[in-house]
C-alpha cells in the first residue's frame, strides 16, 4: 500500500522538488532488489515521471540501476540522454538491443562506435536479429539502421573474421600430435557477419578488394550470398579466396585436402559462373588436392563407400579438367555393386525361419 502512495505522489506535477526527491527515494529498492510482489511493477509505472523531473545525476543513476530491462526502451524514447550513458553502460549489458536504442539518436554515435570496436560476435546477432520496437506511429514499420552504424558493424565483424583466418594455419599446425581423428578447427563461422553484409551490396566490390578485410569479404560472399545477388565483377574479385588457400598446406592432407575439395565444389555449385570464370584457379586447386594424398589411387578408391566415390566424382567434375581422371571415377560410379553372399540372420528362438513346421 505504501508503494502505491509513493507512486501517486511521483505522478503529481505540483509536488515540490524536495518532496519529489524523497518520493523517488521511497520507490527505489533499499538494498538494490525489489521485494517479491508488485513493488517492481509500481516502480516501472512511474519511471517516466521520475526521469522527467529528477535532475541530480546520482539519483538518476540509482533509477537506471533499478530500471533493468526498461533501459533500452527509455534510451530509444530519449528519456535517457547522453549524460546517462555512463550509468547505462555500468548497469546494462552493451548488447544489440541497447545499441539499436542508442542508434536512434545521433548524439550517441561516438559512444556506439567505441562499443562496436571492442565488441564480440554476440553483439551482431543481437543487433540484427532483434525486432526493434517501432518508433513511429505505424506499428508495422521498424526503425531503420543508420548507414554509419551499419558500416561500423560490418568493419568490426570483418576484422574478427580476418583475425580468425590469419590464425587458422597456426592453430592447426600440429595435427600429428592430436591423434588419428584430428580435424581442422578454428575456421570462422561468419554467418552473423553475412547477415549484416548482405544489407549493403553497394559496398561489396570495394570491400572485396580491401587490403585489410578483402579476403574475409570474399569468403563471406562465396559461402553465404545467393549467386543472383553477386555480379560478375564481384565474383571475379572473390577469386583469390575461392580455392581456400588457407587450407593448402594443412597437415593430415588425407582429410584436409578432401574436405577442401568438397568445400570448393560446394562454392562452384552455388555460383556456377565460376566454373568458367575461375577455370585456371579451380584446375590448379583440384590437381593439388589429388596429388597431395593420391586421392585417385585405385586401392584408396576401392576402400571408399559408393556415396563417397560419387561425391568425389561430382566435386572433380566441377573443378578439374583432367579427362582421364574423370573417366576413371565415373566408370566406378556407373559400375554395379559386386554381389555379396547372403546369410540368414541368426534366430533368437532357435528355430530357422526358413524351415518352420507348418503342420
Protein backbone atom coordinates (compact mmCIF):
# COMPACT_ATOMS: atom_id res chain seq x y z
CA UNK A 1 0.00 0.00 0.00
CA UNK A 2 2.86 2.38 0.80
CA UNK A 3 4.30 1.85 -2.67
CA UNK A 4 1.02 2.88 -4.28
CA UNK A 5 1.03 6.08 -2.25
CA UNK A 6 4.60 6.84 -3.37
CA UNK A 7 3.61 6.15 -7.00
CA UNK A 8 0.67 8.55 -6.88
CA UNK A 9 2.84 11.23 -5.33
CA UNK A 10 5.52 10.73 -8.01
CA UNK A 11 2.97 11.45 -10.74
CA UNK A 12 1.82 14.75 -9.21
CA UNK A 13 3.06 17.76 -11.15
CA UNK A 14 2.62 20.16 -8.22
CA UNK A 15 4.86 18.24 -5.82
CA UNK A 16 7.83 20.39 -4.66
CA UNK A 17 11.28 19.24 -5.83
CA UNK A 18 12.50 18.49 -2.31
CA UNK A 19 9.47 16.33 -1.60
CA UNK A 20 9.74 14.68 -5.01
CA UNK A 21 13.30 13.52 -4.28
CA UNK A 22 12.04 11.86 -1.10
CA UNK A 23 9.27 10.14 -3.07
CA UNK A 24 11.77 8.77 -5.59
CA UNK A 25 13.93 7.50 -2.78
CA UNK A 26 10.90 5.78 -1.31
CA UNK A 27 10.14 3.97 -4.56
CA UNK A 28 13.71 2.73 -5.02
CA UNK A 29 14.54 -0.68 -3.51
CA UNK A 30 16.52 -0.28 -0.34
CA UNK A 31 19.13 -3.00 -0.90
CA UNK A 32 19.13 -2.95 -4.71
CA UNK A 33 16.42 -5.59 -5.03
CA UNK A 34 12.67 -5.28 -5.18
CA UNK A 35 10.56 -7.22 -2.74
CA UNK A 36 8.53 -10.09 -4.22
CA UNK A 37 5.15 -8.99 -5.49
CA UNK A 38 4.07 -5.83 -7.25
CA UNK A 39 6.69 -3.38 -5.93
CA UNK A 40 8.72 -3.50 -9.15
CA UNK A 41 5.61 -3.05 -11.32
CA UNK A 42 4.66 0.09 -9.42
CA UNK A 43 8.21 1.40 -9.80
CA UNK A 44 8.24 0.84 -13.58
CA UNK A 45 4.91 2.63 -13.99
CA UNK A 46 6.39 5.79 -12.52
CA UNK A 47 9.76 5.71 -14.33
CA UNK A 48 8.82 8.28 -16.97
CA UNK A 49 7.51 10.73 -14.40
CA UNK A 50 10.60 10.33 -12.26
CA UNK A 51 13.17 10.72 -15.05
CA UNK A 52 11.42 13.82 -16.38
CA UNK A 53 11.81 15.60 -13.05
CA UNK A 54 14.95 14.16 -11.46
CA UNK A 55 17.99 16.29 -12.35
CA UNK A 56 20.50 15.16 -9.74
CA UNK A 57 22.76 12.66 -11.52
CA UNK A 58 23.34 10.41 -8.54
CA UNK A 59 19.62 9.83 -8.15
CA UNK A 60 19.21 9.28 -11.90
CA UNK A 61 21.97 6.67 -11.75
CA UNK A 62 20.10 4.83 -8.98
CA UNK A 63 16.95 4.84 -11.10
CA UNK A 64 18.90 3.43 -14.06
CA UNK A 65 20.37 0.67 -11.90
CA UNK A 66 16.88 -0.35 -10.79
CA UNK A 67 15.24 0.00 -14.22
CA UNK A 68 16.90 -3.18 -15.64
CA UNK A 69 15.04 -4.35 -18.76
CA UNK A 70 13.35 -0.97 -19.31
CA UNK A 71 16.65 0.79 -20.04
CA UNK A 72 16.77 0.23 -23.85
CA UNK A 73 13.18 1.42 -24.19
CA UNK A 74 13.94 4.56 -22.18
CA UNK A 75 17.02 5.25 -24.30
CA UNK A 76 15.06 4.76 -27.52
CA UNK A 77 12.40 7.22 -26.41
CA UNK A 78 15.03 9.80 -25.48
CA UNK A 79 14.14 9.74 -21.78
CA UNK A 80 17.73 8.75 -21.00
CA UNK A 81 20.17 11.08 -22.69
CA UNK A 82 23.92 11.38 -23.25
CA UNK A 83 24.69 12.26 -19.64
CA UNK A 84 23.03 9.00 -18.55
CA UNK A 85 25.07 6.74 -20.87
CA UNK A 86 27.91 6.01 -18.38
CA UNK A 87 25.38 4.73 -15.83
CA UNK A 88 23.50 2.83 -18.53
CA UNK A 89 26.69 1.01 -19.56
CA UNK A 90 27.56 0.24 -15.94
CA UNK A 91 24.23 -1.36 -15.19
CA UNK A 92 23.09 -2.80 -18.53
CA UNK A 93 24.94 -5.12 -20.96
CA UNK A 94 26.03 -3.45 -24.19
CA UNK A 95 24.02 -5.88 -26.31
CA UNK A 96 22.32 -5.48 -29.66
CA UNK A 97 19.10 -4.19 -28.12
CA UNK A 98 20.90 -1.35 -26.35
CA UNK A 99 22.92 -0.46 -29.47
CA UNK A 100 19.77 -0.31 -31.56
CA UNK A 101 18.22 2.01 -29.00
CA UNK A 102 21.26 4.28 -28.79
CA UNK A 103 21.45 4.48 -32.59
CA UNK A 104 18.08 6.22 -32.75
CA UNK A 105 19.85 9.39 -31.57
CA UNK A 106 22.90 10.61 -33.48
CA UNK A 107 24.33 12.21 -30.34
CA UNK A 108 25.32 8.69 -29.23
CA UNK A 109 27.33 7.94 -32.38
CA UNK A 110 30.76 8.22 -30.78
CA UNK A 111 29.71 6.02 -27.87
CA UNK A 112 28.32 3.34 -30.20
CA UNK A 113 31.42 3.34 -32.38
CA UNK A 114 33.59 2.75 -29.33
CA UNK A 115 31.37 -0.10 -28.16
CA UNK A 116 31.45 -1.80 -31.55
CA UNK A 117 35.22 -1.54 -31.87
CA UNK A 118 35.57 -3.62 -28.70
CA UNK A 119 32.64 -5.96 -29.25
CA UNK A 120 32.47 -9.72 -29.84
CA UNK A 121 30.29 -11.86 -32.12
CA UNK A 122 27.25 -11.79 -29.84
CA UNK A 123 26.55 -8.15 -30.46
CA UNK A 124 25.95 -8.66 -34.20
CA UNK A 125 23.28 -11.34 -33.98
CA UNK A 126 21.66 -9.38 -31.17
CA UNK A 127 21.57 -6.19 -33.20
CA UNK A 128 20.26 -7.56 -36.48
CA UNK A 129 18.04 -10.41 -35.28
CA UNK A 130 16.33 -8.09 -32.86
CA UNK A 131 12.82 -6.99 -33.75
CA UNK A 132 13.17 -3.45 -32.53
CA UNK A 133 10.18 -1.69 -31.04
CA UNK A 134 8.87 0.72 -33.70
CA UNK A 135 9.47 4.38 -33.03
CA UNK A 136 6.83 5.66 -35.46
CA UNK A 137 3.09 5.62 -35.18
CA UNK A 138 2.99 2.94 -37.89
CA UNK A 139 3.45 -0.16 -35.77
CA UNK A 140 4.42 -2.37 -38.71
CA UNK A 141 7.45 -0.21 -39.53
CA UNK A 142 10.70 -0.99 -37.77
CA UNK A 143 13.36 1.69 -37.23
CA UNK A 144 15.94 1.91 -39.98
CA UNK A 145 19.58 1.16 -39.17
CA UNK A 146 21.68 4.29 -39.83
CA UNK A 147 24.34 3.79 -42.52
CA UNK A 148 27.16 4.83 -40.19
CA UNK A 149 26.12 2.12 -37.72
CA UNK A 150 25.92 -0.46 -40.49
CA UNK A 151 29.41 0.42 -41.69
CA UNK A 152 30.87 0.26 -38.19
CA UNK A 153 29.30 -3.15 -37.56
CA UNK A 154 30.46 -4.51 -40.93
CA UNK A 155 34.03 -3.32 -40.40
CA UNK A 156 34.21 -4.79 -36.91
CA UNK A 157 32.73 -8.12 -37.99
CA UNK A 158 35.14 -8.42 -40.90
CA UNK A 159 38.09 -7.64 -38.63
CA UNK A 160 37.05 -10.53 -36.37
CA UNK A 161 36.82 -12.87 -39.37
CA UNK A 162 40.23 -11.70 -40.63
CA UNK A 163 41.83 -12.39 -37.25
CA UNK A 164 40.49 -15.96 -37.27
CA UNK A 165 41.59 -16.51 -40.87
CA UNK A 166 45.09 -15.30 -40.08
CA UNK A 167 45.42 -17.67 -37.14
CA UNK A 168 43.81 -20.68 -38.84
CA UNK A 169 47.02 -22.25 -40.17
CA UNK A 170 48.90 -21.70 -36.90
CA UNK A 171 46.07 -23.17 -34.81
CA UNK A 172 46.06 -26.32 -36.95
CA UNK A 173 49.80 -26.72 -37.38
CA UNK A 174 50.32 -29.67 -35.03
CA UNK A 175 47.98 -32.33 -36.33
CA UNK A 176 50.41 -35.20 -35.79
CA UNK A 177 50.15 -34.84 -32.02
CA UNK A 178 46.35 -34.74 -31.98
CA UNK A 179 45.58 -38.37 -32.84
CA UNK A 180 44.10 -40.17 -35.82
CA UNK A 181 40.70 -38.49 -35.60
CA UNK A 182 42.07 -34.96 -35.70
CA UNK A 183 40.35 -32.43 -37.93
CA UNK A 184 40.99 -28.72 -38.55
CA UNK A 185 39.32 -26.29 -36.17
CA UNK A 186 39.07 -22.53 -35.85
CA UNK A 187 37.59 -21.81 -39.27
CA UNK A 188 35.49 -18.67 -38.76
CA UNK A 189 31.73 -19.02 -38.52
CA UNK A 190 30.78 -15.86 -40.38
CA UNK A 191 27.01 -16.24 -40.61
CA UNK A 192 26.40 -13.22 -38.38
CA UNK A 193 28.69 -11.04 -40.49
CA UNK A 194 27.00 -12.28 -43.66
CA UNK A 195 23.63 -11.24 -42.25
CA UNK A 196 24.98 -7.71 -41.87
CA UNK A 197 27.00 -7.59 -45.09
CA UNK A 198 24.01 -8.70 -47.15
CA UNK A 199 22.28 -5.42 -46.27
CA UNK A 200 24.84 -3.33 -48.13
CA UNK A 201 25.56 -4.75 -51.63
CA UNK A 202 26.77 -1.32 -52.72
CA UNK A 203 29.94 -1.94 -50.66
CA UNK A 204 30.73 -5.49 -51.77
CA UNK A 205 33.11 -4.74 -54.62
CA UNK A 206 35.07 -2.14 -52.68
CA UNK A 207 35.32 -4.33 -49.58
CA UNK A 208 36.30 -7.43 -51.58
CA UNK A 209 39.34 -5.52 -52.86
CA UNK A 210 40.22 -4.00 -49.47
CA UNK A 211 43.73 -4.86 -48.25
CA UNK A 212 42.66 -5.36 -44.64
CA UNK A 213 39.37 -7.21 -44.94
CA UNK A 214 39.17 -8.28 -48.59
CA UNK A 215 39.82 -11.98 -48.01
CA UNK A 216 37.17 -12.09 -45.28
CA UNK A 217 34.60 -10.47 -47.56
CA UNK A 218 35.40 -12.89 -50.37
CA UNK A 219 34.78 -15.95 -48.17
CA UNK A 220 31.53 -14.49 -46.85
CA UNK A 221 30.17 -13.63 -50.30
CA UNK A 222 31.10 -17.02 -51.76
CA UNK A 223 29.56 -19.05 -48.94
CA UNK A 224 26.58 -17.02 -47.78
CA UNK A 225 25.20 -14.80 -50.56
CA UNK A 226 22.97 -16.14 -53.34
CA UNK A 227 24.60 -16.08 -56.75
CA UNK A 228 21.81 -13.93 -58.21
CA UNK A 229 22.89 -11.10 -55.92
CA UNK A 230 26.57 -11.27 -56.94
CA UNK A 231 27.58 -9.55 -60.16
CA UNK A 232 30.32 -10.99 -62.38
CA UNK A 233 32.60 -8.19 -61.22
CA UNK A 234 32.07 -9.08 -57.56
CA UNK A 235 32.62 -12.80 -58.21
CA UNK A 236 35.81 -12.01 -60.10
CA UNK A 237 37.04 -10.05 -57.09
CA UNK A 238 36.34 -13.12 -54.91
CA UNK A 239 38.56 -15.49 -56.91
CA UNK A 240 41.59 -15.29 -54.57
CA UNK A 241 39.54 -16.89 -51.78
CA UNK A 242 37.61 -19.34 -53.96
CA UNK A 243 40.02 -22.28 -53.62
CA UNK A 244 40.55 -21.89 -49.85
CA UNK A 245 44.29 -21.11 -49.92
CA UNK A 246 44.34 -21.20 -46.10
CA UNK A 247 43.81 -24.99 -46.34
CA UNK A 248 46.51 -25.72 -48.93
CA UNK A 249 49.34 -26.64 -46.56
CA UNK A 250 47.43 -28.04 -43.59
CA UNK A 251 48.74 -31.25 -42.01
CA UNK A 252 46.88 -34.57 -42.32
CA UNK A 253 46.20 -33.93 -46.05
CA UNK A 254 44.26 -37.17 -46.44
CA UNK A 255 41.46 -35.45 -44.52
CA UNK A 256 42.03 -31.75 -45.02
CA UNK A 257 42.55 -31.73 -48.79
CA UNK A 258 39.49 -33.88 -49.43
CA UNK A 259 37.44 -31.55 -47.25
CA UNK A 260 38.95 -28.58 -49.06
CA UNK A 261 37.96 -30.01 -52.45
CA UNK A 262 34.46 -30.68 -51.15
CA UNK A 263 34.08 -27.07 -49.98
CA UNK A 264 35.36 -25.70 -53.30
CA UNK A 265 32.84 -27.89 -55.11
CA UNK A 266 30.04 -26.50 -52.96
CA UNK A 267 31.07 -22.95 -53.83
CA UNK A 268 31.10 -23.71 -57.56
CA UNK A 269 27.67 -25.36 -57.24
CA UNK A 270 26.39 -22.19 -55.59
CA UNK A 271 27.98 -19.92 -58.22
CA UNK A 272 28.14 -21.96 -61.45
CA UNK A 273 29.54 -18.98 -63.37
CA UNK A 274 32.81 -19.55 -61.56
CA UNK A 275 33.37 -22.82 -63.42
CA UNK A 276 34.28 -20.74 -66.47
CA UNK A 277 35.39 -17.51 -64.80
CA UNK A 278 37.89 -19.21 -62.47
CA UNK A 279 38.76 -22.31 -64.51
CA UNK A 280 42.53 -21.98 -64.06
CA UNK A 281 42.25 -21.49 -60.28
CA UNK A 282 39.94 -24.48 -59.96
CA UNK A 283 42.08 -26.80 -62.09
CA UNK A 284 45.22 -25.96 -60.12
CA UNK A 285 43.49 -26.47 -56.78
CA UNK A 286 41.97 -29.81 -57.84
CA UNK A 287 45.33 -31.05 -59.11
CA UNK A 288 46.98 -30.02 -55.83
CA UNK A 289 44.38 -31.85 -53.72
CA UNK A 290 44.70 -35.03 -55.81
CA UNK A 291 48.48 -35.01 -55.76
CA UNK A 292 48.80 -34.31 -52.03
CA UNK A 293 47.12 -37.56 -50.98
CA UNK A 294 46.79 -39.53 -54.23
CA UNK A 295 43.03 -39.28 -54.00
CA UNK A 296 42.53 -41.34 -57.16
CA UNK A 297 44.81 -44.23 -56.27
CA UNK A 298 42.97 -47.46 -57.18
CA UNK A 299 43.38 -49.01 -53.73
CA UNK A 300 42.03 -45.91 -51.97
CA UNK A 301 39.08 -45.66 -54.32
CA UNK A 302 38.12 -49.29 -53.74
CA UNK A 303 38.05 -48.67 -49.99
CA UNK A 304 35.69 -45.73 -50.28
CA UNK A 305 31.95 -46.27 -49.78
CA UNK A 306 29.95 -45.79 -53.01
CA UNK A 307 28.43 -42.48 -51.90
CA UNK A 308 31.91 -41.02 -51.30
CA UNK A 309 33.08 -42.11 -54.76
CA UNK A 310 30.05 -40.34 -56.23
CA UNK A 311 30.74 -37.24 -54.14
CA UNK A 312 34.39 -37.16 -55.24
CA UNK A 313 33.38 -37.58 -58.89
CA UNK A 314 30.92 -34.69 -58.60
CA UNK A 315 33.49 -32.38 -56.98
CA UNK A 316 36.11 -33.15 -59.63
CA UNK A 317 33.58 -32.67 -62.43
CA UNK A 318 33.10 -29.13 -61.10
CA UNK A 319 36.77 -28.32 -60.52
CA UNK A 320 39.05 -30.47 -62.70
CA UNK A 321 39.85 -30.59 -66.43
CA UNK A 322 41.62 -33.97 -66.28
CA UNK A 323 39.53 -36.12 -68.62
CA UNK A 324 41.41 -39.30 -67.71
CA UNK A 325 40.69 -38.95 -64.00
CA UNK A 326 37.07 -38.04 -64.59
CA UNK A 327 36.55 -41.03 -66.88
CA UNK A 328 38.07 -43.33 -64.26
CA UNK A 329 35.84 -42.01 -61.50
CA UNK A 330 32.59 -42.01 -63.43
CA UNK A 331 33.27 -45.56 -64.59
CA UNK A 332 33.39 -46.55 -60.92
CA UNK A 333 30.19 -44.65 -60.22
CA UNK A 334 28.38 -46.42 -63.08
CA UNK A 335 29.72 -49.85 -62.14
CA UNK A 336 27.07 -52.01 -60.46
CA UNK A 337 27.92 -53.19 -56.96
CA UNK A 338 29.53 -56.60 -56.63
CA UNK A 339 27.15 -59.33 -55.48
CA UNK A 340 27.59 -60.28 -51.87
CA UNK A 341 26.78 -63.65 -50.29
CA UNK A 342 23.60 -63.68 -48.27
CA UNK A 343 23.45 -65.30 -44.88
CA UNK A 344 20.25 -65.89 -42.99
CA UNK A 345 20.14 -63.79 -39.81
CA UNK A 346 20.68 -65.78 -36.63
CA UNK A 347 17.49 -66.89 -34.96
CA UNK A 348 16.88 -65.77 -31.41
CA UNK A 349 14.36 -68.57 -30.84
CA UNK A 350 16.45 -71.45 -32.07
CA UNK A 351 14.01 -72.04 -34.95
CA UNK A 352 15.18 -71.43 -38.50
CA UNK A 353 12.54 -69.14 -40.04
CA UNK A 354 13.05 -70.82 -43.43
CA UNK A 355 12.30 -74.31 -42.09
CA UNK A 356 9.35 -73.85 -39.78
CA UNK A 357 7.00 -76.73 -39.14
CA UNK A 358 3.77 -75.61 -40.81
CA UNK A 359 1.73 -78.64 -39.84
